[in-house]
Amino acid sequence: MKNFFYKCEIQSTVWGNMSKLLAGKVFAWSVAFIGCLWLTHMIWPTMLDVWLYDSQGEYRTDGIFAVVTPMLRQIENLMMMGWLVGPFLLFMGIARLVVIYARSSVRFPVISTRPFMASTMAVGLLANAVVLVTAFPFFSIATGAVIRPMGWFAFVLIWSLSAFLIGGMSGLYAITAERPRALCSFALICTATPFPLAIALIILAAEINGFKLD
């Protein structure tokens, strides 16, 4: 009888841990998805315009649109906050997902024993990769052109700050709790390089192509 209750206790503990792990994964994926959705807000309002406006450019109010249009307008206004909230939520979800999956990794003990270092590294590499990709168009600008990429600078600044906040918290914990500290420190430094990388890339593009920054 004691063995039976002991097995039941072990089984309930296992199921409890699995439920917590599943809930953590669902929460992290949801946060990352919402962040990605918010980050692409410049696309969604355009898609909503098909439902919001009629052929004369007026808000639709006939039939079901009397109820749907106000709701779509609220969604459209909410999506305008994407540049501020989207990157933060996206990095938060990704950082949590990397920690969860790194801890359960069997094939890669280097990652499973350093989940927060892996999380910090993932945030830093993603942030730098997006900056690198979004800077590519500057290398195709014609010679002598004068540009003022304020929108890109604003995006890069918010993107970099979000990466540094989320990656910085994970990196500081990794430095104190995981070894080697040099690797954790390198991961932390990666979260601070997106904005300097952006400045260096646009200056390099200006030097190569010969355009001017206003």
N, C-alpha and C. Protein backbone atom coordinates (compact mmCIF):
# COMPACT_ATOMS: atom_id res chain seq x y z
N MET A 1 0.82 -1.20 0.00
CA MET A 1 0.00 0.00 0.00
C MET A 1 0.87 1.26 0.00
N LYS A 2 1.94 1.23 0.79
CA LYS A 2 2.84 2.38 0.83
C LYS A 2 3.47 2.64 -0.54
N ASN A 3 3.84 1.54 -1.22
CA ASN A 3 4.44 1.69 -2.55
C ASN A 3 3.44 2.30 -3.53
N PHE A 4 2.17 1.91 -3.37
CA PHE A 4 1.13 2.44 -4.27
C PHE A 4 1.01 3.95 -4.09
N PHE A 5 0.92 4.41 -2.84
CA PHE A 5 0.80 5.85 -2.58
C PHE A 5 2.07 6.59 -3.00
N TYR A 6 3.22 5.93 -2.82
CA TYR A 6 4.47 6.56 -3.23
C TYR A 6 4.53 6.75 -4.75
N LYS A 7 4.07 5.72 -5.49
CA LYS A 7 4.03 5.84 -6.95
C LYS A 7 3.05 6.91 -7.39
N CYS A 8 1.91 6.98 -6.71
CA CYS A 8 0.92 8.01 -7.04
C CYS A 8 1.48 9.41 -6.81
N GLU A 9 2.23 9.55 -5.71
CA GLU A 9 2.83 10.85 -5.41
C GLU A 9 3.85 11.24 -6.46
N ILE A 10 4.67 10.26 -6.88
CA ILE A 10 5.67 10.54 -7.92
C ILE A 10 4.99 10.90 -9.24
N GLN A 11 3.92 10.14 -9.56
CA GLN A 11 3.21 10.40 -10.81
C GLN A 11 2.56 11.77 -10.80
N SER A 12 1.97 12.16 -9.68
CA SER A 12 1.35 13.48 -9.59
C SER A 12 2.39 14.59 -9.69
N THR A 13 3.57 14.35 -9.12
CA THR A 13 4.65 15.34 -9.22
C THR A 13 5.12 15.50 -10.66
N VAL A 14 5.26 14.36 -11.35
CA VAL A 14 5.68 14.39 -12.76
C VAL A 14 4.65 15.12 -13.61
N TRP A 15 3.37 14.79 -13.40
CA TRP A 15 2.32 15.45 -14.17
C TRP A 15 2.26 16.94 -13.86
N GLY A 16 2.51 17.29 -12.60
CA GLY A 16 2.52 18.71 -12.23
C GLY A 16 3.65 19.47 -12.91
N ASN A 17 4.83 18.84 -12.95
CA ASN A 17 5.97 19.48 -13.63
C ASN A 17 5.72 19.60 -15.13
N MET A 18 5.12 18.58 -15.73
CA MET A 18 4.82 18.63 -17.15
C MET A 18 3.79 19.71 -17.47
N SER A 19 2.81 19.85 -16.58
CA SER A 19 1.79 20.88 -16.78
C SER A 19 2.40 22.28 -16.69
N LYS A 20 3.30 22.47 -15.73
CA LYS A 20 3.97 23.77 -15.60
C LYS A 20 4.83 24.06 -16.82
N LEU A 21 5.53 23.02 -17.32
CA LEU A 21 6.39 23.20 -18.49
C LEU A 21 5.55 23.55 -19.71
N LEU A 22 4.42 22.86 -19.88
CA LEU A 22 3.53 23.13 -21.01
C LEU A 22 2.96 24.54 -20.92
N ALA A 23 2.55 24.92 -19.71
CA ALA A 23 2.01 26.27 -19.53
C ALA A 23 3.06 27.33 -19.83
N GLY A 24 4.30 27.05 -19.41
CA GLY A 24 5.39 27.98 -19.69
C GLY A 24 5.65 28.12 -21.18
N LYS A 25 5.60 27.01 -21.91
CA LYS A 25 5.81 27.05 -23.36
C LYS A 25 4.69 27.81 -24.06
N VAL A 26 3.46 27.53 -23.65
CA VAL A 26 2.32 28.22 -24.27
C VAL A 26 2.40 29.73 -24.02
N PHE A 27 2.75 30.10 -22.79
CA PHE A 27 2.86 31.53 -22.46
C PHE A 27 3.97 32.19 -23.28
N ALA A 28 5.14 31.54 -23.36
CA ALA A 28 6.27 32.11 -24.09
C ALA A 28 5.97 32.23 -25.57
N TRP A 29 5.39 31.18 -26.16
CA TRP A 29 5.03 31.25 -27.57
C TRP A 29 4.00 32.34 -27.83
N SER A 30 3.04 32.49 -26.91
CA SER A 30 2.00 33.51 -27.08
C SER A 30 2.60 34.91 -27.03
N VAL A 31 3.51 35.14 -26.08
CA VAL A 31 4.15 36.46 -25.97
C VAL A 31 4.97 36.76 -27.22
N ALA A 32 5.73 35.76 -27.70
CA ALA A 32 6.54 35.96 -28.90
C ALA A 32 5.66 36.23 -30.11
N PHE A 33 4.54 35.51 -30.22
CA PHE A 33 3.64 35.70 -31.36
C PHE A 33 2.99 37.09 -31.33
N ILE A 34 2.54 37.50 -30.15
CA ILE A 34 1.94 38.83 -30.03
C ILE A 34 2.97 39.91 -30.35
N GLY A 35 4.20 39.73 -29.87
CA GLY A 35 5.25 40.69 -30.17
C GLY A 35 5.54 40.77 -31.65
N CYS A 36 5.60 39.61 -32.33
CA CYS A 36 5.83 39.59 -33.77
C CYS A 36 4.68 40.24 -34.51
N LEU A 37 3.46 39.99 -34.05
CA LEU A 37 2.28 40.58 -34.68
C LEU A 37 2.29 42.09 -34.52
N TRP A 38 2.63 42.55 -33.33
CA TRP A 38 2.68 43.99 -33.07
C TRP A 38 3.83 44.65 -33.84
N LEU A 39 4.92 43.92 -33.99
CA LEU A 39 6.08 44.48 -34.68
C LEU A 39 5.79 44.71 -36.16
N THR A 40 4.90 43.92 -36.73
CA THR A 40 4.54 44.07 -38.15
C THR A 40 3.31 44.94 -38.32
N HIS A 41 3.12 45.91 -37.44
CA HIS A 41 1.90 46.74 -37.46
C HIS A 41 1.79 47.56 -38.74
N MET A 42 2.92 47.85 -39.39
CA MET A 42 2.87 48.66 -40.62
C MET A 42 2.19 47.91 -41.76
N ILE A 43 2.08 46.58 -41.65
CA ILE A 43 1.41 45.78 -42.67
C ILE A 43 -0.07 45.61 -42.34
N TRP A 44 -0.36 45.35 -41.06
CA TRP A 44 -1.74 45.04 -40.68
C TRP A 44 -2.73 46.18 -40.91
N PRO A 45 -2.40 47.43 -40.58
CA PRO A 45 -3.38 48.50 -40.85
C PRO A 45 -3.76 48.58 -42.32
N THR A 46 -2.80 48.35 -43.21
CA THR A 46 -3.10 48.37 -44.64
C THR A 46 -4.07 47.26 -45.00
N MET A 47 -3.89 46.10 -44.39
CA MET A 47 -4.79 44.99 -44.66
C MET A 47 -6.18 45.26 -44.08
N LEU A 48 -6.25 45.95 -42.96
CA LEU A 48 -7.54 46.27 -42.35
C LEU A 48 -8.30 47.33 -43.13
N ASP A 49 -7.58 48.13 -43.93
CA ASP A 49 -8.25 49.17 -44.70
C ASP A 49 -9.30 48.61 -45.65
N VAL A 50 -9.06 47.39 -46.13
CA VAL A 50 -10.02 46.76 -47.04
C VAL A 50 -11.36 46.57 -46.36
N TRP A 51 -11.33 46.32 -45.04
CA TRP A 51 -12.56 46.09 -44.29
C TRP A 51 -13.11 47.39 -43.70
N LEU A 52 -12.24 48.36 -43.49
CA LEU A 52 -12.67 49.59 -42.83
C LEU A 52 -13.36 50.56 -43.77
N TYR A 53 -12.86 50.66 -45.01
CA TYR A 53 -13.33 51.71 -45.92
C TYR A 53 -14.07 51.12 -47.11
N ASP A 54 -15.04 51.90 -47.61
CA ASP A 54 -15.73 51.52 -48.83
C ASP A 54 -15.02 52.13 -50.04
N SER A 55 -15.63 52.00 -51.22
CA SER A 55 -15.00 52.48 -52.45
C SER A 55 -14.83 53.99 -52.49
N GLN A 56 -15.62 54.73 -51.68
CA GLN A 56 -15.50 56.19 -51.61
C GLN A 56 -14.52 56.66 -50.55
N GLY A 57 -13.91 55.72 -49.84
CA GLY A 57 -12.96 56.07 -48.79
C GLY A 57 -13.61 56.43 -47.47
N GLU A 58 -14.88 56.09 -47.30
CA GLU A 58 -15.60 56.36 -46.06
C GLU A 58 -15.65 55.09 -45.21
N TYR A 59 -15.78 55.30 -43.88
CA TYR A 59 -15.90 54.14 -42.99
C TYR A 59 -17.18 53.37 -43.29
N ARG A 60 -17.08 52.07 -43.32
CA ARG A 60 -18.25 51.24 -43.57
C ARG A 60 -19.12 51.18 -42.31
N THR A 61 -20.39 51.43 -42.47
CA THR A 61 -21.32 51.40 -41.34
C THR A 61 -22.57 50.60 -41.66
N ASP A 62 -22.62 49.99 -42.84
CA ASP A 62 -23.82 49.25 -43.23
C ASP A 62 -23.76 47.83 -42.71
N GLY A 63 -24.91 47.31 -42.31
CA GLY A 63 -25.02 45.92 -41.88
C GLY A 63 -24.14 45.59 -40.69
N ILE A 64 -23.38 44.50 -40.83
CA ILE A 64 -22.53 44.02 -39.74
C ILE A 64 -21.37 44.98 -39.44
N PHE A 65 -21.03 45.83 -40.42
CA PHE A 65 -19.93 46.76 -40.23
C PHE A 65 -20.24 47.84 -39.20
N ALA A 66 -21.51 48.01 -38.86
CA ALA A 66 -21.85 48.95 -37.79
C ALA A 66 -21.23 48.51 -36.47
N VAL A 67 -21.02 47.21 -36.32
CA VAL A 67 -20.39 46.66 -35.11
C VAL A 67 -18.91 46.38 -35.35
N VAL A 68 -18.59 45.87 -36.56
CA VAL A 68 -17.22 45.44 -36.86
C VAL A 68 -16.27 46.62 -37.01
N THR A 69 -16.72 47.69 -37.68
CA THR A 69 -15.84 48.83 -37.96
C THR A 69 -15.26 49.46 -36.70
N PRO A 70 -16.05 49.77 -35.65
CA PRO A 70 -15.44 50.32 -34.43
C PRO A 70 -14.40 49.39 -33.81
N MET A 71 -14.65 48.07 -33.88
CA MET A 71 -13.69 47.12 -33.33
C MET A 71 -12.40 47.12 -34.14
N LEU A 72 -12.52 47.17 -35.47
CA LEU A 72 -11.33 47.20 -36.32
C LEU A 72 -10.54 48.49 -36.13
N ARG A 73 -11.24 49.59 -35.88
CA ARG A 73 -10.54 50.85 -35.65
C ARG A 73 -9.75 50.80 -34.35
N GLN A 74 -10.31 50.15 -33.33
CA GLN A 74 -9.58 50.00 -32.08
C GLN A 74 -8.34 49.12 -32.28
N ILE A 75 -8.49 48.05 -33.07
CA ILE A 75 -7.35 47.18 -33.36
C ILE A 75 -6.28 47.95 -34.13
N GLU A 76 -6.71 48.76 -35.09
CA GLU A 76 -5.78 49.55 -35.89
C GLU A 76 -5.00 50.52 -35.02
N ASN A 77 -5.71 51.20 -34.09
CA ASN A 77 -5.03 52.13 -33.19
C ASN A 77 -4.08 51.40 -32.25
N LEU A 78 -4.48 50.21 -31.82
CA LEU A 78 -3.63 49.43 -30.92
C LEU A 78 -2.36 48.96 -31.63
N MET A 79 -2.49 48.62 -32.91
CA MET A 79 -1.33 48.15 -33.66
C MET A 79 -0.31 49.25 -33.88
N MET A 80 -0.74 50.51 -33.79
CA MET A 80 0.20 51.62 -33.98
C MET A 80 1.25 51.69 -32.89
N MET A 81 1.04 50.97 -31.78
CA MET A 81 2.02 50.93 -30.69
C MET A 81 3.09 49.86 -30.94
N GLY A 82 3.05 49.26 -32.13
CA GLY A 82 3.93 48.12 -32.40
C GLY A 82 5.40 48.40 -32.25
N TRP A 83 5.86 49.56 -32.70
CA TRP A 83 7.29 49.86 -32.61
C TRP A 83 7.76 49.94 -31.16
N LEU A 84 6.88 50.32 -30.25
CA LEU A 84 7.27 50.46 -28.85
C LEU A 84 7.15 49.15 -28.09
N VAL A 85 6.08 48.42 -28.31
CA VAL A 85 5.79 47.23 -27.52
C VAL A 85 6.25 45.95 -28.20
N GLY A 86 6.14 45.90 -29.53
CA GLY A 86 6.44 44.67 -30.26
C GLY A 86 7.82 44.10 -30.00
N PRO A 87 8.90 44.87 -30.17
CA PRO A 87 10.23 44.30 -29.94
C PRO A 87 10.42 43.77 -28.52
N PHE A 88 9.91 44.50 -27.53
CA PHE A 88 10.06 44.08 -26.14
C PHE A 88 9.39 42.73 -25.91
N LEU A 89 8.14 42.58 -26.38
CA LEU A 89 7.43 41.31 -26.20
C LEU A 89 8.07 40.18 -26.99
N LEU A 90 8.53 40.48 -28.20
CA LEU A 90 9.17 39.46 -29.02
C LEU A 90 10.43 38.92 -28.35
N PHE A 91 11.28 39.81 -27.87
CA PHE A 91 12.50 39.37 -27.19
C PHE A 91 12.18 38.65 -25.88
N MET A 92 11.16 39.10 -25.19
CA MET A 92 10.78 38.44 -23.94
C MET A 92 10.34 37.00 -24.20
N GLY A 93 9.50 36.82 -25.23
CA GLY A 93 9.05 35.47 -25.56
C GLY A 93 10.18 34.58 -26.04
N ILE A 94 11.05 35.11 -26.89
CA ILE A 94 12.17 34.32 -27.41
C ILE A 94 13.14 33.94 -26.29
N ALA A 95 13.43 34.88 -25.40
CA ALA A 95 14.35 34.59 -24.30
C ALA A 95 13.80 33.48 -23.41
N ARG A 96 12.50 33.53 -23.13
CA ARG A 96 11.90 32.51 -22.29
C ARG A 96 11.87 31.16 -23.00
N LEU A 97 11.56 31.16 -24.29
CA LEU A 97 11.53 29.92 -25.05
C LEU A 97 12.90 29.25 -25.08
N VAL A 98 13.94 30.03 -25.28
CA VAL A 98 15.30 29.46 -25.32
C VAL A 98 15.66 28.84 -23.98
N VAL A 99 15.30 29.50 -22.89
CA VAL A 99 15.58 28.94 -21.56
C VAL A 99 14.85 27.62 -21.37
N ILE A 100 13.57 27.57 -21.76
CA ILE A 100 12.77 26.35 -21.57
C ILE A 100 13.33 25.20 -22.39
N TYR A 101 13.58 25.45 -23.67
CA TYR A 101 14.05 24.37 -24.53
C TYR A 101 15.52 24.01 -24.25
N ALA A 102 16.31 24.98 -23.81
CA ALA A 102 17.71 24.68 -23.48
C ALA A 102 17.80 23.76 -22.27
N ARG A 103 16.96 23.99 -21.28
CA ARG A 103 16.99 23.15 -20.08
C ARG A 103 16.63 21.70 -20.39
N SER A 104 15.76 21.48 -21.37
CA SER A 104 15.34 20.12 -21.71
C SER A 104 16.17 19.51 -22.82
N SER A 105 17.23 20.20 -23.26
CA SER A 105 18.06 19.69 -24.34
C SER A 105 18.93 18.54 -23.84
N VAL A 106 18.94 17.47 -24.61
CA VAL A 106 19.74 16.30 -24.28
C VAL A 106 20.97 16.21 -25.18
N ARG A 107 20.82 16.59 -26.43
CA ARG A 107 21.91 16.48 -27.40
C ARG A 107 23.00 17.52 -27.19
N PHE A 108 22.64 18.65 -26.59
CA PHE A 108 23.61 19.75 -26.45
C PHE A 108 23.78 20.11 -24.97
N PRO A 109 24.63 19.39 -24.26
CA PRO A 109 24.85 19.68 -22.84
C PRO A 109 25.44 21.06 -22.59
N VAL A 110 26.14 21.60 -23.60
CA VAL A 110 26.71 22.94 -23.44
C VAL A 110 25.60 23.96 -23.26
N ILE A 111 24.48 23.74 -23.94
CA ILE A 111 23.34 24.65 -23.82
C ILE A 111 22.49 24.32 -22.60
N SER A 112 22.26 23.04 -22.37
CA SER A 112 21.39 22.63 -21.26
C SER A 112 21.93 23.05 -19.90
N THR A 113 23.26 23.17 -19.79
CA THR A 113 23.86 23.59 -18.52
C THR A 113 24.01 25.11 -18.42
N ARG A 114 23.74 25.80 -19.53
CA ARG A 114 23.84 27.27 -19.55
C ARG A 114 22.63 27.87 -20.27
N PRO A 115 21.42 27.65 -19.76
CA PRO A 115 20.22 28.12 -20.48
C PRO A 115 20.12 29.63 -20.58
N PHE A 116 20.57 30.35 -19.56
CA PHE A 116 20.45 31.81 -19.59
C PHE A 116 21.53 32.43 -20.48
N MET A 117 22.68 31.78 -20.57
CA MET A 117 23.68 32.23 -21.53
C MET A 117 23.16 32.04 -22.95
N ALA A 118 22.53 30.89 -23.21
CA ALA A 118 21.97 30.63 -24.53
C ALA A 118 20.85 31.62 -24.85
N SER A 119 20.04 31.95 -23.86
CA SER A 119 18.97 32.92 -24.06
C SER A 119 19.52 34.29 -24.40
N THR A 120 20.54 34.72 -23.67
CA THR A 120 21.16 36.02 -23.94
C THR A 120 21.80 36.06 -25.32
N MET A 121 22.47 34.97 -25.68
CA MET A 121 23.11 34.89 -26.99
C MET A 121 22.08 34.93 -28.11
N ALA A 122 20.96 34.24 -27.93
CA ALA A 122 19.91 34.22 -28.95
C ALA A 122 19.33 35.62 -29.17
N VAL A 123 19.08 36.33 -28.08
CA VAL A 123 18.55 37.70 -28.19
C VAL A 123 19.55 38.60 -28.89
N GLY A 124 20.83 38.50 -28.51
CA GLY A 124 21.84 39.35 -29.12
C GLY A 124 22.05 39.07 -30.60
N LEU A 125 22.08 37.79 -30.96
CA LEU A 125 22.29 37.44 -32.37
C LEU A 125 21.10 37.86 -33.22
N LEU A 126 19.89 37.66 -32.71
CA LEU A 126 18.70 38.07 -33.45
C LEU A 126 18.66 39.58 -33.65
N ALA A 127 18.97 40.32 -32.60
CA ALA A 127 18.96 41.78 -32.69
C ALA A 127 19.96 42.28 -33.71
N ASN A 128 21.16 41.74 -33.69
CA ASN A 128 22.19 42.16 -34.65
C ASN A 128 21.85 41.72 -36.07
N ALA A 129 21.26 40.55 -36.22
CA ALA A 129 20.90 40.05 -37.55
C ALA A 129 19.84 40.93 -38.20
N VAL A 130 18.84 41.36 -37.43
CA VAL A 130 17.79 42.21 -37.99
C VAL A 130 18.35 43.57 -38.38
N VAL A 131 19.24 44.12 -37.56
CA VAL A 131 19.88 45.39 -37.90
C VAL A 131 20.68 45.25 -39.20
N LEU A 132 21.39 44.15 -39.33
CA LEU A 132 22.20 43.92 -40.53
C LEU A 132 21.32 43.82 -41.78
N VAL A 133 20.21 43.09 -41.67
CA VAL A 133 19.33 42.90 -42.82
C VAL A 133 18.65 44.21 -43.21
N THR A 134 18.18 44.97 -42.23
CA THR A 134 17.49 46.22 -42.54
C THR A 134 18.44 47.30 -43.05
N ALA A 135 19.74 47.13 -42.84
CA ALA A 135 20.71 48.12 -43.33
C ALA A 135 21.17 47.85 -44.75
N PHE A 136 20.87 46.66 -45.29
CA PHE A 136 21.29 46.33 -46.65
C PHE A 136 20.81 47.31 -47.71
N PRO A 137 19.55 47.80 -47.65
CA PRO A 137 19.09 48.74 -48.69
C PRO A 137 19.93 50.01 -48.81
N PHE A 138 20.61 50.41 -47.75
CA PHE A 138 21.43 51.62 -47.83
C PHE A 138 22.62 51.45 -48.78
N PHE A 139 23.02 50.22 -49.03
CA PHE A 139 24.15 49.98 -49.91
C PHE A 139 23.76 50.04 -51.39
N SER A 140 22.48 50.27 -51.67
CA SER A 140 22.03 50.40 -53.06
C SER A 140 21.56 51.82 -53.39
N ILE A 141 21.78 52.77 -52.48
CA ILE A 141 21.38 54.15 -52.72
C ILE A 141 22.35 54.81 -53.71
N ALA A 142 21.79 55.61 -54.60
CA ALA A 142 22.60 56.22 -55.66
C ALA A 142 23.57 57.25 -55.09
N THR A 143 24.67 57.43 -55.79
CA THR A 143 25.69 58.41 -55.41
C THR A 143 25.13 59.83 -55.49
N GLY A 144 25.43 60.63 -54.46
CA GLY A 144 24.98 62.01 -54.43
C GLY A 144 23.61 62.22 -53.82
N ALA A 145 22.90 61.14 -53.54
CA ALA A 145 21.57 61.27 -52.93
C ALA A 145 21.69 61.78 -51.50
N VAL A 146 20.66 62.48 -51.07
CA VAL A 146 20.60 62.98 -49.68
C VAL A 146 19.42 62.30 -49.00
N ILE A 147 19.69 61.57 -47.95
CA ILE A 147 18.64 60.82 -47.26
C ILE A 147 18.58 61.22 -45.79
N ARG A 148 17.42 60.95 -45.22
CA ARG A 148 17.20 61.24 -43.80
C ARG A 148 16.39 60.08 -43.19
N PRO A 149 17.05 58.98 -42.87
CA PRO A 149 16.34 57.77 -42.43
C PRO A 149 15.92 57.83 -40.95
N MET A 150 15.08 58.80 -40.61
CA MET A 150 14.67 58.95 -39.22
C MET A 150 13.85 57.77 -38.73
N GLY A 151 12.97 57.25 -39.61
CA GLY A 151 12.16 56.11 -39.21
C GLY A 151 13.00 54.88 -38.91
N TRP A 152 14.02 54.66 -39.74
CA TRP A 152 14.90 53.52 -39.51
C TRP A 152 15.69 53.68 -38.22
N PHE A 153 16.19 54.90 -37.98
CA PHE A 153 16.92 55.15 -36.73
C PHE A 153 16.04 54.94 -35.51
N ALA A 154 14.78 55.38 -35.59
CA ALA A 154 13.85 55.20 -34.47
C ALA A 154 13.60 53.71 -34.22
N PHE A 155 13.39 52.96 -35.29
CA PHE A 155 13.17 51.52 -35.15
C PHE A 155 14.39 50.84 -34.55
N VAL A 156 15.57 51.17 -35.07
CA VAL A 156 16.81 50.55 -34.58
C VAL A 156 17.04 50.88 -33.10
N LEU A 157 16.74 52.11 -32.71
CA LEU A 157 16.93 52.51 -31.32
C LEU A 157 16.01 51.72 -30.39
N ILE A 158 14.73 51.64 -30.73
CA ILE A 158 13.79 50.90 -29.90
C ILE A 158 14.12 49.41 -29.91
N TRP A 159 14.47 48.89 -31.07
CA TRP A 159 14.85 47.48 -31.20
C TRP A 159 16.07 47.17 -30.35
N SER A 160 17.06 48.04 -30.38
CA SER A 160 18.30 47.82 -29.62
C SER A 160 18.05 47.92 -28.12
N LEU A 161 17.26 48.90 -27.71
CA LEU A 161 16.95 49.05 -26.29
C LEU A 161 16.20 47.84 -25.75
N SER A 162 15.25 47.33 -26.54
CA SER A 162 14.49 46.15 -26.11
C SER A 162 15.40 44.94 -25.97
N ALA A 163 16.30 44.76 -26.94
CA ALA A 163 17.23 43.64 -26.87
C ALA A 163 18.16 43.76 -25.66
N PHE A 164 18.61 44.98 -25.38
CA PHE A 164 19.53 45.18 -24.27
C PHE A 164 18.83 44.97 -22.92
N LEU A 165 17.58 45.40 -22.81
CA LEU A 165 16.85 45.23 -21.56
C LEU A 165 16.60 43.75 -21.27
N ILE A 166 16.04 43.04 -22.25
CA ILE A 166 15.72 41.62 -22.04
C ILE A 166 17.00 40.79 -21.97
N GLY A 167 17.89 40.97 -22.94
CA GLY A 167 19.13 40.21 -22.93
C GLY A 167 20.03 40.58 -21.77
N GLY A 168 19.98 41.84 -21.36
CA GLY A 168 20.82 42.28 -20.24
C GLY A 168 20.42 41.61 -18.93
N MET A 169 19.12 41.51 -18.67
CA MET A 169 18.67 40.85 -17.44
C MET A 169 19.06 39.37 -17.44
N SER A 170 18.87 38.72 -18.59
CA SER A 170 19.24 37.31 -18.70
C SER A 170 20.75 37.14 -18.61
N GLY A 171 21.49 38.06 -19.25
CA GLY A 171 22.94 37.97 -19.24
C GLY A 171 23.55 38.20 -17.87
N LEU A 172 23.02 39.15 -17.11
CA LEU A 172 23.54 39.40 -15.77
C LEU A 172 23.33 38.20 -14.86
N TYR A 173 22.17 37.56 -15.00
CA TYR A 173 21.94 36.35 -14.21
C TYR A 173 22.89 35.23 -14.65
N ALA A 174 23.12 35.12 -15.96
CA ALA A 174 24.02 34.07 -16.46
C ALA A 174 25.44 34.27 -15.92
N ILE A 175 25.89 35.52 -15.86
CA ILE A 175 27.24 35.79 -15.37
C ILE A 175 27.41 35.35 -13.92
N THR A 176 26.36 35.53 -13.12
CA THR A 176 26.44 35.19 -11.69
C THR A 176 26.19 33.71 -11.42
N ALA A 177 25.44 33.02 -12.29
CA ALA A 177 25.02 31.65 -11.97
C ALA A 177 25.63 30.60 -12.88
N GLU A 178 26.21 30.99 -14.03
CA GLU A 178 26.70 30.00 -14.98
C GLU A 178 28.17 30.23 -15.30
N ARG A 179 28.82 29.20 -15.78
CA ARG A 179 30.22 29.25 -16.13
C ARG A 179 30.41 28.70 -17.55
N PRO A 180 31.43 29.14 -18.29
CA PRO A 180 32.42 30.16 -17.92
C PRO A 180 31.85 31.57 -18.05
N ARG A 181 32.34 32.45 -17.21
CA ARG A 181 31.84 33.82 -17.22
C ARG A 181 32.22 34.56 -18.49
N ALA A 182 33.35 34.18 -19.10
CA ALA A 182 33.78 34.86 -20.32
C ALA A 182 32.75 34.67 -21.43
N LEU A 183 32.22 33.47 -21.57
CA LEU A 183 31.21 33.19 -22.59
C LEU A 183 29.91 33.94 -22.30
N CYS A 184 29.53 33.97 -21.03
CA CYS A 184 28.33 34.72 -20.64
C CYS A 184 28.51 36.21 -20.87
N SER A 185 29.71 36.70 -20.60
CA SER A 185 29.99 38.12 -20.83
C SER A 185 29.94 38.46 -22.32
N PHE A 186 30.45 37.55 -23.16
CA PHE A 186 30.38 37.77 -24.60
C PHE A 186 28.93 37.82 -25.08
N ALA A 187 28.10 36.94 -24.55
CA ALA A 187 26.68 36.95 -24.91
C ALA A 187 26.03 38.26 -24.48
N LEU A 188 26.40 38.75 -23.31
CA LEU A 188 25.85 40.02 -22.82
C LEU A 188 26.29 41.18 -23.70
N ILE A 189 27.54 41.16 -24.14
CA ILE A 189 28.05 42.23 -25.01
C ILE A 189 27.29 42.24 -26.34
N CYS A 190 26.90 41.06 -26.83
CA CYS A 190 26.17 40.97 -28.10
C CYS A 190 24.84 41.71 -28.03
N THR A 191 24.23 41.79 -26.85
CA THR A 191 22.95 42.49 -26.73
C THR A 191 23.13 44.01 -26.75
N ALA A 192 24.37 44.48 -26.57
CA ALA A 192 24.61 45.92 -26.56
C ALA A 192 25.15 46.44 -27.89
N THR A 193 25.36 45.57 -28.87
CA THR A 193 26.00 45.99 -30.12
C THR A 193 25.05 46.36 -31.27
N PRO A 194 23.75 46.09 -31.22
CA PRO A 194 22.91 46.40 -32.39
C PRO A 194 22.94 47.86 -32.83
N PHE A 195 22.81 48.79 -31.89
CA PHE A 195 22.78 50.20 -32.29
C PHE A 195 24.15 50.67 -32.81
N PRO A 196 25.26 50.37 -32.13
CA PRO A 196 26.56 50.72 -32.72
C PRO A 196 26.78 50.08 -34.09
N LEU A 197 26.29 48.85 -34.26
CA LEU A 197 26.42 48.19 -35.56
C LEU A 197 25.63 48.95 -36.62
N ALA A 198 24.45 49.43 -36.27
CA ALA A 198 23.63 50.19 -37.21
C ALA A 198 24.33 51.48 -37.64
N ILE A 199 24.91 52.18 -36.68
CA ILE A 199 25.64 53.43 -37.00
C ILE A 199 26.82 53.13 -37.92
N ALA A 200 27.55 52.07 -37.60
CA ALA A 200 28.72 51.72 -38.41
C ALA A 200 28.30 51.33 -39.83
N LEU A 201 27.21 50.61 -39.97
CA LEU A 201 26.77 50.16 -41.29
C LEU A 201 26.32 51.31 -42.17
N ILE A 202 25.57 52.26 -41.60
CA ILE A 202 25.08 53.36 -42.43
C ILE A 202 26.23 54.31 -42.80
N ILE A 203 27.20 54.47 -41.90
CA ILE A 203 28.39 55.28 -42.25
C ILE A 203 29.20 54.58 -43.34
N LEU A 204 29.34 53.26 -43.23
CA LEU A 204 30.06 52.49 -44.24
C LEU A 204 29.35 52.58 -45.59
N ALA A 205 28.02 52.47 -45.58
CA ALA A 205 27.25 52.56 -46.82
C ALA A 205 27.41 53.94 -47.46
N ALA A 206 27.42 54.99 -46.61
CA ALA A 206 27.61 56.35 -47.14
C ALA A 206 28.99 56.52 -47.75
N GLU A 207 29.99 55.92 -47.15
CA GLU A 207 31.34 56.02 -47.68
C GLU A 207 31.49 55.26 -48.99
N ILE A 208 30.87 54.11 -49.08
CA ILE A 208 31.01 53.29 -50.28
C ILE A 208 30.19 53.86 -51.44
N ASN A 209 28.94 54.25 -51.17
CA ASN A 209 28.04 54.69 -52.25
C ASN A 209 28.11 56.19 -52.53
N GLY A 210 28.61 56.95 -51.56
CA GLY A 210 28.74 58.37 -51.79
C GLY A 210 27.48 59.20 -51.58
N PHE A 211 26.50 58.68 -50.82
CA PHE A 211 25.33 59.49 -50.51
C PHE A 211 25.57 60.26 -49.22
N LYS A 212 24.70 61.22 -48.95
CA LYS A 212 24.84 62.08 -47.79
C LYS A 212 23.68 61.88 -46.82
N LEU A 213 23.98 61.98 -45.54
CA LEU A 213 22.96 61.90 -44.51
C LEU A 213 22.56 63.30 -44.09
N ASP A 214 21.27 63.57 -44.11
CA ASP A 214 20.77 64.89 -43.75
C ASP A 214 20.52 64.95 -42.25
